[in-house]
Amino acid sequence: MKITISGKNMTVSEELRTMVVKKLGKLDKYFSANTEAIVRLSVEKERQKVEVTIPVKGKIIRSEEVSNDMYNSIDLAQESIERQLRKYKKKIIDRKQNAGNFQPAYIEEDYGADEEEKIQIVRNKRFDIKPMYPEDACVEMELLGHSFYVFMNAETDQINVVYKRKGNTYGLIEPED
């Protein structure tokens, strides 16, 4: 696996770089040698954050972990990726597609998800979607006290989602044309 490491608001020391390669190197048993992992280390006040992104055949395996110690965040990110790989193996590797990003041993191994780990949809909501502008959708979201809001964009007649971001800002998710 190829690992690309970058830092935000910090310089990545050789010691940190070695630690990332050592920890994420444990994921080699899952991925082929040409798979690329993108690691971004950042520091914000007391928060030590590690973001790991591994694009594989149209899907993205991602982990974002924060703690007060960068080495701990690296450990947590590596464990999170492994947990995702075991838990969602059948969904990550679509048998119809080429599983070239993965090691044959990983593809053949049966991890058997526990009952607790299976995805369960416990509630289903239905509601009318009325056309509105993204700014109006943000107001509706705030009034409901939710962190996201699904609406039909009055400008495009497509389903969009607005969501609350850090720092009291908002994001808009739109389908590609």
N, C-alpha and C. Protein backbone atom coordinates (compact mmCIF):
# COMPACT_ATOMS: atom_id res chain seq x y z
N MET A 1 0.85 -1.17 0.00
CA MET A 1 0.00 0.00 0.00
C MET A 1 0.89 1.24 0.00
N LYS A 2 0.52 2.20 -0.81
CA LYS A 2 1.25 3.46 -0.87
C LYS A 2 0.59 4.45 0.08
N ILE A 3 1.37 5.08 0.93
CA ILE A 3 0.83 6.00 1.93
C ILE A 3 1.36 7.41 1.66
N THR A 4 0.44 8.36 1.48
CA THR A 4 0.79 9.76 1.29
C THR A 4 0.41 10.50 2.57
N ILE A 5 1.37 11.17 3.19
CA ILE A 5 1.15 11.83 4.48
C ILE A 5 1.34 13.33 4.32
N SER A 6 0.39 14.10 4.85
CA SER A 6 0.51 15.56 4.83
C SER A 6 0.07 16.10 6.19
N GLY A 7 0.50 17.33 6.48
CA GLY A 7 0.16 17.96 7.74
C GLY A 7 -0.52 19.30 7.53
N LYS A 8 -1.44 19.63 8.42
CA LYS A 8 -2.11 20.93 8.38
C LYS A 8 -1.88 21.59 9.74
N ASN A 9 -1.38 22.80 9.71
CA ASN A 9 -1.02 23.54 10.93
C ASN A 9 0.07 22.83 11.72
N MET A 10 0.89 22.05 11.04
CA MET A 10 1.97 21.33 11.72
C MET A 10 2.97 20.81 10.70
N THR A 11 4.14 20.52 11.18
CA THR A 11 5.15 19.86 10.37
C THR A 11 5.17 18.40 10.77
N VAL A 12 5.11 17.51 9.80
CA VAL A 12 5.10 16.08 10.09
C VAL A 12 6.53 15.63 10.32
N SER A 13 6.82 15.26 11.56
CA SER A 13 8.17 14.82 11.92
C SER A 13 8.43 13.43 11.35
N GLU A 14 9.69 13.07 11.29
CA GLU A 14 10.07 11.75 10.79
C GLU A 14 9.52 10.66 11.72
N GLU A 15 9.48 10.95 13.01
CA GLU A 15 8.95 10.01 14.01
C GLU A 15 7.46 9.75 13.76
N LEU A 16 6.71 10.82 13.50
CA LEU A 16 5.27 10.68 13.21
C LEU A 16 5.06 9.93 11.91
N ARG A 17 5.86 10.28 10.90
CA ARG A 17 5.76 9.62 9.60
C ARG A 17 6.01 8.11 9.76
N THR A 18 7.00 7.75 10.55
CA THR A 18 7.32 6.34 10.79
C THR A 18 6.17 5.64 11.50
N MET A 19 5.58 6.31 12.46
CA MET A 19 4.45 5.74 13.21
C MET A 19 3.25 5.48 12.29
N VAL A 20 2.95 6.45 11.42
CA VAL A 20 1.83 6.30 10.50
C VAL A 20 2.08 5.11 9.57
N VAL A 21 3.27 5.03 9.01
CA VAL A 21 3.61 3.93 8.10
C VAL A 21 3.54 2.59 8.83
N LYS A 22 4.01 2.55 10.07
CA LYS A 22 3.99 1.31 10.85
C LYS A 22 2.55 0.87 11.13
N LYS A 23 1.71 1.81 11.60
CA LYS A 23 0.33 1.47 11.95
C LYS A 23 -0.50 1.13 10.72
N LEU A 24 -0.43 1.97 9.69
CA LEU A 24 -1.23 1.70 8.50
C LEU A 24 -0.65 0.56 7.68
N GLY A 25 0.61 0.24 7.92
CA GLY A 25 1.22 -0.92 7.28
C GLY A 25 0.52 -2.21 7.66
N LYS A 26 -0.15 -2.20 8.82
CA LYS A 26 -0.92 -3.37 9.26
C LYS A 26 -2.11 -3.62 8.33
N LEU A 27 -2.49 -2.61 7.58
CA LEU A 27 -3.61 -2.76 6.64
C LEU A 27 -3.18 -3.42 5.33
N ASP A 28 -1.85 -3.64 5.16
CA ASP A 28 -1.34 -4.28 3.94
C ASP A 28 -1.97 -5.65 3.71
N LYS A 29 -2.38 -6.31 4.79
CA LYS A 29 -2.97 -7.65 4.64
C LYS A 29 -4.33 -7.57 3.94
N TYR A 30 -4.93 -6.38 3.88
CA TYR A 30 -6.22 -6.21 3.23
C TYR A 30 -6.09 -5.68 1.79
N PHE A 31 -5.12 -4.79 1.57
CA PHE A 31 -5.03 -4.08 0.30
C PHE A 31 -3.86 -4.55 -0.55
N SER A 32 -4.01 -4.39 -1.86
CA SER A 32 -2.92 -4.71 -2.78
C SER A 32 -1.87 -3.60 -2.70
N ALA A 33 -0.70 -3.87 -3.27
CA ALA A 33 0.44 -2.96 -3.18
C ALA A 33 0.19 -1.62 -3.88
N ASN A 34 -0.67 -1.59 -4.90
CA ASN A 34 -0.89 -0.34 -5.63
C ASN A 34 -2.03 0.52 -5.06
N THR A 35 -2.62 0.10 -3.95
CA THR A 35 -3.68 0.89 -3.31
C THR A 35 -3.04 2.08 -2.60
N GLU A 36 -3.67 3.25 -2.73
CA GLU A 36 -3.11 4.46 -2.12
C GLU A 36 -3.94 4.88 -0.91
N ALA A 37 -3.26 5.18 0.18
CA ALA A 37 -3.90 5.71 1.38
C ALA A 37 -3.44 7.15 1.56
N ILE A 38 -4.38 8.05 1.76
CA ILE A 38 -4.06 9.46 1.95
C ILE A 38 -4.28 9.79 3.42
N VAL A 39 -3.23 10.23 4.10
CA VAL A 39 -3.29 10.52 5.53
C VAL A 39 -3.04 12.01 5.73
N ARG A 40 -3.93 12.64 6.48
CA ARG A 40 -3.78 14.06 6.78
C ARG A 40 -3.79 14.23 8.30
N LEU A 41 -2.69 14.76 8.81
CA LEU A 41 -2.55 15.02 10.24
C LEU A 41 -2.76 16.51 10.47
N SER A 42 -3.51 16.86 11.51
CA SER A 42 -3.71 18.28 11.79
C SER A 42 -3.81 18.52 13.29
N VAL A 43 -3.51 19.75 13.66
CA VAL A 43 -3.56 20.15 15.07
C VAL A 43 -4.38 21.43 15.16
N GLU A 44 -5.37 21.42 16.05
CA GLU A 44 -6.18 22.60 16.34
C GLU A 44 -6.29 22.69 17.85
N LYS A 45 -5.60 23.62 18.44
CA LYS A 45 -5.55 23.77 19.90
C LYS A 45 -5.10 22.46 20.52
N GLU A 46 -5.94 21.83 21.33
CA GLU A 46 -5.56 20.56 21.99
C GLU A 46 -5.99 19.34 21.18
N ARG A 47 -6.61 19.58 20.04
CA ARG A 47 -7.14 18.48 19.22
C ARG A 47 -6.10 17.99 18.23
N GLN A 48 -5.76 16.72 18.31
CA GLN A 48 -4.82 16.08 17.39
C GLN A 48 -5.66 15.19 16.48
N LYS A 49 -5.76 15.54 15.21
CA LYS A 49 -6.68 14.87 14.30
C LYS A 49 -5.95 14.12 13.20
N VAL A 50 -6.44 12.91 12.91
CA VAL A 50 -5.91 12.08 11.83
C VAL A 50 -7.07 11.72 10.90
N GLU A 51 -6.90 12.00 9.62
CA GLU A 51 -7.89 11.63 8.61
C GLU A 51 -7.21 10.65 7.65
N VAL A 52 -7.82 9.48 7.47
CA VAL A 52 -7.29 8.48 6.55
C VAL A 52 -8.35 8.24 5.48
N THR A 53 -7.98 8.37 4.22
CA THR A 53 -8.89 8.14 3.10
C THR A 53 -8.25 7.14 2.15
N ILE A 54 -9.00 6.08 1.85
CA ILE A 54 -8.50 5.04 0.94
C ILE A 54 -9.54 4.83 -0.16
N PRO A 55 -9.30 5.42 -1.35
CA PRO A 55 -10.25 5.19 -2.45
C PRO A 55 -10.03 3.82 -3.08
N VAL A 56 -11.13 3.05 -3.22
CA VAL A 56 -11.05 1.73 -3.84
C VAL A 56 -12.24 1.51 -4.76
N LYS A 57 -11.99 1.44 -6.05
CA LYS A 57 -12.98 1.08 -7.06
C LYS A 57 -14.34 1.75 -6.85
N GLY A 58 -14.37 3.06 -6.85
CA GLY A 58 -15.63 3.78 -6.76
C GLY A 58 -16.17 3.95 -5.35
N LYS A 59 -15.51 3.41 -4.37
CA LYS A 59 -15.92 3.55 -2.98
C LYS A 59 -14.79 4.23 -2.21
N ILE A 60 -15.11 4.76 -1.05
CA ILE A 60 -14.09 5.39 -0.22
C ILE A 60 -14.17 4.81 1.18
N ILE A 61 -13.04 4.35 1.66
CA ILE A 61 -12.94 3.89 3.04
C ILE A 61 -12.27 5.03 3.78
N ARG A 62 -12.92 5.52 4.84
CA ARG A 62 -12.44 6.73 5.49
C ARG A 62 -12.57 6.64 7.00
N SER A 63 -11.61 7.23 7.68
CA SER A 63 -11.67 7.34 9.13
C SER A 63 -11.13 8.70 9.53
N GLU A 64 -11.81 9.31 10.49
CA GLU A 64 -11.37 10.59 11.03
C GLU A 64 -11.40 10.44 12.55
N GLU A 65 -10.25 10.53 13.18
CA GLU A 65 -10.16 10.34 14.62
C GLU A 65 -9.48 11.53 15.28
N VAL A 66 -10.00 11.93 16.44
CA VAL A 66 -9.47 13.08 17.17
C VAL A 66 -9.23 12.67 18.61
N SER A 67 -8.09 13.07 19.15
CA SER A 67 -7.81 12.88 20.57
C SER A 67 -6.81 13.97 20.98
N ASN A 68 -6.36 13.91 22.21
CA ASN A 68 -5.39 14.91 22.65
C ASN A 68 -3.95 14.45 22.41
N ASP A 69 -3.77 13.29 21.77
CA ASP A 69 -2.45 12.74 21.47
C ASP A 69 -2.44 12.21 20.04
N MET A 70 -1.53 12.68 19.23
CA MET A 70 -1.49 12.29 17.82
C MET A 70 -1.28 10.79 17.65
N TYR A 71 -0.45 10.19 18.48
CA TYR A 71 -0.19 8.76 18.37
C TYR A 71 -1.45 7.95 18.67
N ASN A 72 -2.21 8.42 19.64
CA ASN A 72 -3.48 7.77 19.97
C ASN A 72 -4.47 7.91 18.81
N SER A 73 -4.52 9.08 18.19
CA SER A 73 -5.40 9.30 17.05
C SER A 73 -5.03 8.38 15.89
N ILE A 74 -3.74 8.16 15.68
CA ILE A 74 -3.28 7.25 14.62
C ILE A 74 -3.75 5.83 14.91
N ASP A 75 -3.59 5.39 16.16
CA ASP A 75 -4.06 4.06 16.57
C ASP A 75 -5.55 3.90 16.32
N LEU A 76 -6.32 4.91 16.75
CA LEU A 76 -7.77 4.86 16.60
C LEU A 76 -8.19 4.80 15.13
N ALA A 77 -7.51 5.54 14.28
CA ALA A 77 -7.82 5.56 12.85
C ALA A 77 -7.55 4.18 12.22
N GLN A 78 -6.42 3.59 12.56
CA GLN A 78 -6.07 2.28 12.03
C GLN A 78 -7.10 1.22 12.48
N GLU A 79 -7.49 1.26 13.76
CA GLU A 79 -8.48 0.32 14.27
C GLU A 79 -9.84 0.53 13.61
N SER A 80 -10.18 1.78 13.38
CA SER A 80 -11.46 2.11 12.74
C SER A 80 -11.52 1.56 11.32
N ILE A 81 -10.44 1.72 10.57
CA ILE A 81 -10.40 1.20 9.19
C ILE A 81 -10.53 -0.32 9.21
N GLU A 82 -9.80 -0.99 10.10
CA GLU A 82 -9.88 -2.45 10.18
C GLU A 82 -11.30 -2.91 10.53
N ARG A 83 -11.91 -2.22 11.47
CA ARG A 83 -13.28 -2.56 11.88
C ARG A 83 -14.24 -2.41 10.69
N GLN A 84 -14.09 -1.32 9.94
CA GLN A 84 -14.94 -1.10 8.76
C GLN A 84 -14.74 -2.21 7.73
N LEU A 85 -13.48 -2.59 7.51
CA LEU A 85 -13.19 -3.62 6.52
C LEU A 85 -13.80 -4.96 6.90
N ARG A 86 -13.77 -5.29 8.18
CA ARG A 86 -14.37 -6.56 8.63
C ARG A 86 -15.89 -6.49 8.58
N LYS A 87 -16.43 -5.37 9.04
CA LYS A 87 -17.87 -5.23 9.19
C LYS A 87 -18.60 -5.13 7.85
N TYR A 88 -18.03 -4.38 6.92
CA TYR A 88 -18.72 -4.11 5.66
C TYR A 88 -18.09 -4.80 4.47
N LYS A 89 -17.39 -5.89 4.71
CA LYS A 89 -16.65 -6.56 3.64
C LYS A 89 -17.51 -6.84 2.42
N LYS A 90 -18.69 -7.39 2.63
CA LYS A 90 -19.56 -7.75 1.50
C LYS A 90 -20.00 -6.51 0.73
N LYS A 91 -20.17 -5.39 1.41
CA LYS A 91 -20.60 -4.17 0.74
C LYS A 91 -19.43 -3.47 0.06
N ILE A 92 -18.24 -3.55 0.65
CA ILE A 92 -17.07 -2.89 0.10
C ILE A 92 -16.62 -3.59 -1.18
N ILE A 93 -16.61 -4.90 -1.16
CA ILE A 93 -16.17 -5.67 -2.33
C ILE A 93 -17.40 -6.19 -3.04
N ASP A 94 -17.75 -5.59 -4.14
CA ASP A 94 -18.85 -6.04 -4.95
C ASP A 94 -18.29 -7.13 -5.86
N ARG A 95 -18.81 -8.33 -5.73
CA ARG A 95 -18.28 -9.47 -6.49
C ARG A 95 -18.32 -9.23 -8.00
N LYS A 96 -19.24 -8.36 -8.45
CA LYS A 96 -19.35 -8.10 -9.88
C LYS A 96 -18.20 -7.25 -10.41
N GLN A 97 -17.57 -6.52 -9.51
CA GLN A 97 -16.48 -5.65 -9.96
C GLN A 97 -15.14 -6.33 -9.70
N ASN A 98 -14.13 -5.79 -10.28
CA ASN A 98 -12.78 -6.30 -10.06
C ASN A 98 -12.33 -5.92 -8.65
N ALA A 99 -11.98 -6.87 -7.85
CA ALA A 99 -11.55 -6.61 -6.47
C ALA A 99 -10.04 -6.40 -6.42
N GLY A 100 -9.49 -5.77 -7.43
CA GLY A 100 -8.05 -5.60 -7.58
C GLY A 100 -7.37 -4.82 -6.48
N ASN A 101 -8.09 -4.01 -5.73
CA ASN A 101 -7.47 -3.24 -4.66
C ASN A 101 -7.24 -4.06 -3.39
N PHE A 102 -7.77 -5.28 -3.35
CA PHE A 102 -7.71 -6.07 -2.13
C PHE A 102 -6.87 -7.33 -2.29
N GLN A 103 -6.33 -7.77 -1.17
CA GLN A 103 -5.55 -9.01 -1.13
C GLN A 103 -6.51 -10.19 -1.26
N PRO A 104 -6.13 -11.26 -1.95
CA PRO A 104 -7.00 -12.44 -2.08
C PRO A 104 -7.39 -13.04 -0.72
N ALA A 105 -6.50 -13.02 0.26
CA ALA A 105 -6.81 -13.57 1.58
C ALA A 105 -7.95 -12.82 2.24
N TYR A 106 -7.99 -11.51 2.07
CA TYR A 106 -9.07 -10.70 2.64
C TYR A 106 -10.40 -11.01 1.95
N ILE A 107 -10.37 -11.16 0.64
CA ILE A 107 -11.59 -11.43 -0.12
C ILE A 107 -12.18 -12.78 0.28
N GLU A 108 -11.33 -13.77 0.50
CA GLU A 108 -11.80 -15.13 0.80
C GLU A 108 -12.20 -15.33 2.25
N GLU A 109 -11.67 -14.54 3.17
CA GLU A 109 -11.95 -14.74 4.59
C GLU A 109 -13.37 -14.33 4.94
N ASP A 110 -14.02 -15.14 5.79
CA ASP A 110 -15.38 -14.84 6.25
C ASP A 110 -15.29 -14.25 7.64
N TYR A 111 -15.67 -12.98 7.77
CA TYR A 111 -15.58 -12.32 9.07
C TYR A 111 -16.86 -12.47 9.89
N GLY A 112 -17.98 -12.81 9.27
CA GLY A 112 -19.23 -13.03 9.98
C GLY A 112 -19.61 -11.92 10.94
N ALA A 113 -20.37 -10.95 10.50
CA ALA A 113 -20.76 -9.82 11.35
C ALA A 113 -21.67 -10.28 12.47
N ASP A 114 -21.43 -9.77 13.68
CA ASP A 114 -22.30 -10.06 14.82
C ASP A 114 -23.65 -9.40 14.60
N GLU A 115 -24.65 -9.88 15.34
CA GLU A 115 -25.99 -9.30 15.25
C GLU A 115 -25.97 -7.82 15.58
N GLU A 116 -25.17 -7.44 16.58
CA GLU A 116 -25.10 -6.04 16.99
C GLU A 116 -24.53 -5.15 15.89
N GLU A 117 -23.65 -5.70 15.06
CA GLU A 117 -22.98 -4.91 14.05
C GLU A 117 -23.78 -4.75 12.77
N LYS A 118 -24.84 -5.51 12.60
CA LYS A 118 -25.63 -5.40 11.38
C LYS A 118 -26.36 -4.07 11.38
N ILE A 119 -26.51 -3.51 10.20
CA ILE A 119 -27.21 -2.25 10.06
C ILE A 119 -28.70 -2.49 10.22
N GLN A 120 -29.32 -1.73 11.10
CA GLN A 120 -30.75 -1.85 11.32
C GLN A 120 -31.39 -0.48 11.14
N ILE A 121 -32.36 -0.41 10.27
CA ILE A 121 -33.15 0.81 10.13
C ILE A 121 -34.33 0.65 11.07
N VAL A 122 -34.39 1.50 12.09
CA VAL A 122 -35.41 1.35 13.12
C VAL A 122 -36.56 2.34 12.98
N ARG A 123 -36.42 3.29 12.07
CA ARG A 123 -37.49 4.26 11.89
C ARG A 123 -37.53 4.70 10.43
N ASN A 124 -38.73 4.88 9.94
CA ASN A 124 -38.93 5.29 8.56
C ASN A 124 -39.82 6.52 8.57
N LYS A 125 -39.39 7.60 7.94
CA LYS A 125 -40.19 8.83 7.90
C LYS A 125 -40.58 9.13 6.46
N ARG A 126 -41.77 9.66 6.29
CA ARG A 126 -42.24 10.12 4.99
C ARG A 126 -42.76 11.54 5.18
N PHE A 127 -42.45 12.40 4.22
CA PHE A 127 -42.93 13.77 4.31
C PHE A 127 -42.96 14.38 2.93
N ASP A 128 -43.81 15.41 2.79
CA ASP A 128 -43.88 16.14 1.53
C ASP A 128 -42.62 16.97 1.36
N ILE A 129 -42.10 16.97 0.17
CA ILE A 129 -40.94 17.80 -0.12
C ILE A 129 -41.41 18.96 -0.99
N LYS A 130 -41.35 20.15 -0.42
CA LYS A 130 -41.80 21.31 -1.18
C LYS A 130 -40.59 22.08 -1.71
N PRO A 131 -40.73 22.66 -2.88
CA PRO A 131 -39.61 23.42 -3.44
C PRO A 131 -39.28 24.64 -2.58
N MET A 132 -38.00 24.85 -2.35
CA MET A 132 -37.54 26.03 -1.61
C MET A 132 -36.10 26.32 -1.97
N TYR A 133 -35.64 27.48 -1.57
CA TYR A 133 -34.26 27.87 -1.82
C TYR A 133 -33.38 27.35 -0.68
N PRO A 134 -32.09 27.09 -0.95
CA PRO A 134 -31.20 26.56 0.08
C PRO A 134 -31.19 27.39 1.37
N GLU A 135 -31.25 28.70 1.25
CA GLU A 135 -31.24 29.55 2.45
C GLU A 135 -32.49 29.29 3.29
N ASP A 136 -33.66 29.11 2.63
CA ASP A 136 -34.90 28.81 3.35
C ASP A 136 -34.81 27.44 4.01
N ALA A 137 -34.16 26.49 3.35
CA ALA A 137 -33.99 25.16 3.92
C ALA A 137 -33.13 25.22 5.18
N CYS A 138 -32.12 26.10 5.19
CA CYS A 138 -31.29 26.27 6.40
C CYS A 138 -32.12 26.80 7.56
N VAL A 139 -33.02 27.73 7.26
CA VAL A 139 -33.90 28.27 8.30
C VAL A 139 -34.81 27.17 8.84
N GLU A 140 -35.41 26.38 7.94
CA GLU A 140 -36.26 25.26 8.36
C GLU A 140 -35.49 24.28 9.24
N MET A 141 -34.25 23.97 8.83
CA MET A 141 -33.41 23.05 9.60
C MET A 141 -33.18 23.59 11.01
N GLU A 142 -32.86 24.87 11.11
CA GLU A 142 -32.63 25.49 12.41
C GLU A 142 -33.90 25.45 13.27
N LEU A 143 -35.04 25.73 12.66
CA LEU A 143 -36.30 25.71 13.40
C LEU A 143 -36.61 24.32 13.96
N LEU A 144 -36.25 23.29 13.19
CA LEU A 144 -36.48 21.91 13.64
C LEU A 144 -35.41 21.43 14.62
N GLY A 145 -34.27 22.14 14.66
CA GLY A 145 -33.18 21.72 15.55
C GLY A 145 -32.42 20.51 15.03
N HIS A 146 -32.45 20.30 13.72
CA HIS A 146 -31.74 19.17 13.12
C HIS A 146 -30.37 19.62 12.61
N SER A 147 -29.53 18.63 12.27
CA SER A 147 -28.21 18.96 11.73
C SER A 147 -28.19 18.87 10.20
N PHE A 148 -29.28 18.41 9.59
CA PHE A 148 -29.39 18.39 8.14
C PHE A 148 -30.86 18.52 7.75
N TYR A 149 -31.12 18.84 6.49
CA TYR A 149 -32.49 19.02 6.02
C TYR A 149 -32.56 18.66 4.54
N VAL A 150 -33.50 17.79 4.17
CA VAL A 150 -33.68 17.36 2.78
C VAL A 150 -34.79 18.21 2.17
N PHE A 151 -34.56 18.73 0.97
CA PHE A 151 -35.54 19.59 0.32
C PHE A 151 -35.39 19.53 -1.19
N MET A 152 -36.42 20.05 -1.89
CA MET A 152 -36.33 20.16 -3.35
C MET A 152 -35.90 21.59 -3.65
N ASN A 153 -34.80 21.71 -4.37
CA ASN A 153 -34.26 23.02 -4.70
C ASN A 153 -35.17 23.69 -5.74
N ALA A 154 -35.70 24.86 -5.40
CA ALA A 154 -36.62 25.59 -6.28
C ALA A 154 -35.94 26.04 -7.56
N GLU A 155 -34.63 26.20 -7.54
CA GLU A 155 -33.90 26.65 -8.72
C GLU A 155 -33.63 25.52 -9.71
N THR A 156 -33.39 24.31 -9.19
CA THR A 156 -32.98 23.20 -10.05
C THR A 156 -34.00 22.07 -10.13
N ASP A 157 -35.02 22.08 -9.25
CA ASP A 157 -36.01 21.00 -9.15
C ASP A 157 -35.36 19.65 -8.86
N GLN A 158 -34.26 19.66 -8.11
CA GLN A 158 -33.60 18.42 -7.70
C GLN A 158 -33.60 18.34 -6.18
N ILE A 159 -33.49 17.10 -5.69
CA ILE A 159 -33.42 16.89 -4.25
C ILE A 159 -32.03 17.31 -3.79
N ASN A 160 -31.96 18.13 -2.75
CA ASN A 160 -30.70 18.61 -2.15
C ASN A 160 -30.75 18.39 -0.66
N VAL A 161 -29.61 18.51 -0.03
CA VAL A 161 -29.51 18.43 1.42
C VAL A 161 -28.66 19.59 1.90
N VAL A 162 -29.15 20.31 2.92
CA VAL A 162 -28.30 21.29 3.59
C VAL A 162 -27.92 20.68 4.92
N TYR A 163 -26.71 21.00 5.39
CA TYR A 163 -26.26 20.45 6.67
C TYR A 163 -25.46 21.50 7.41
N LYS A 164 -25.45 21.34 8.73
CA LYS A 164 -24.75 22.28 9.59
C LYS A 164 -23.29 21.85 9.70
N ARG A 165 -22.40 22.81 9.54
CA ARG A 165 -20.97 22.56 9.65
C ARG A 165 -20.43 23.21 10.90
N LYS A 166 -19.21 22.91 11.22
CA LYS A 166 -18.56 23.55 12.37
C LYS A 166 -18.45 25.05 12.11
N GLY A 167 -18.47 25.83 13.17
CA GLY A 167 -18.30 27.26 13.03
C GLY A 167 -19.56 27.97 12.54
N ASN A 168 -20.73 27.38 12.81
CA ASN A 168 -22.01 27.97 12.40
C ASN A 168 -22.08 28.29 10.92
N THR A 169 -21.56 27.40 10.10
CA THR A 169 -21.67 27.54 8.65
C THR A 169 -22.53 26.38 8.14
N TYR A 170 -22.89 26.45 6.86
CA TYR A 170 -23.76 25.42 6.29
C TYR A 170 -23.14 24.85 5.04
N GLY A 171 -23.52 23.62 4.72
CA GLY A 171 -23.08 22.97 3.49
C GLY A 171 -24.29 22.59 2.68
N LEU A 172 -24.11 22.44 1.38
CA LEU A 172 -25.19 22.06 0.47
C LEU A 172 -24.72 20.86 -0.35
N ILE A 173 -25.52 19.81 -0.36
CA ILE A 173 -25.21 18.62 -1.16
C ILE A 173 -26.19 18.59 -2.33
N GLU A 174 -25.62 18.56 -3.54
CA GLU A 174 -26.42 18.52 -4.76
C GLU A 174 -26.00 17.34 -5.61
N PRO A 175 -26.92 16.76 -6.37
CA PRO A 175 -26.52 15.67 -7.27
C PRO A 175 -25.71 16.24 -8.44
N GLU A 176 -24.82 15.42 -8.99
CA GLU A 176 -24.06 15.85 -10.17
C GLU A 176 -24.98 15.83 -11.38
N ASP A 177 -24.65 16.67 -12.34
CA ASP A 177 -25.47 16.70 -13.57
C ASP A 177 -25.14 15.56 -14.48
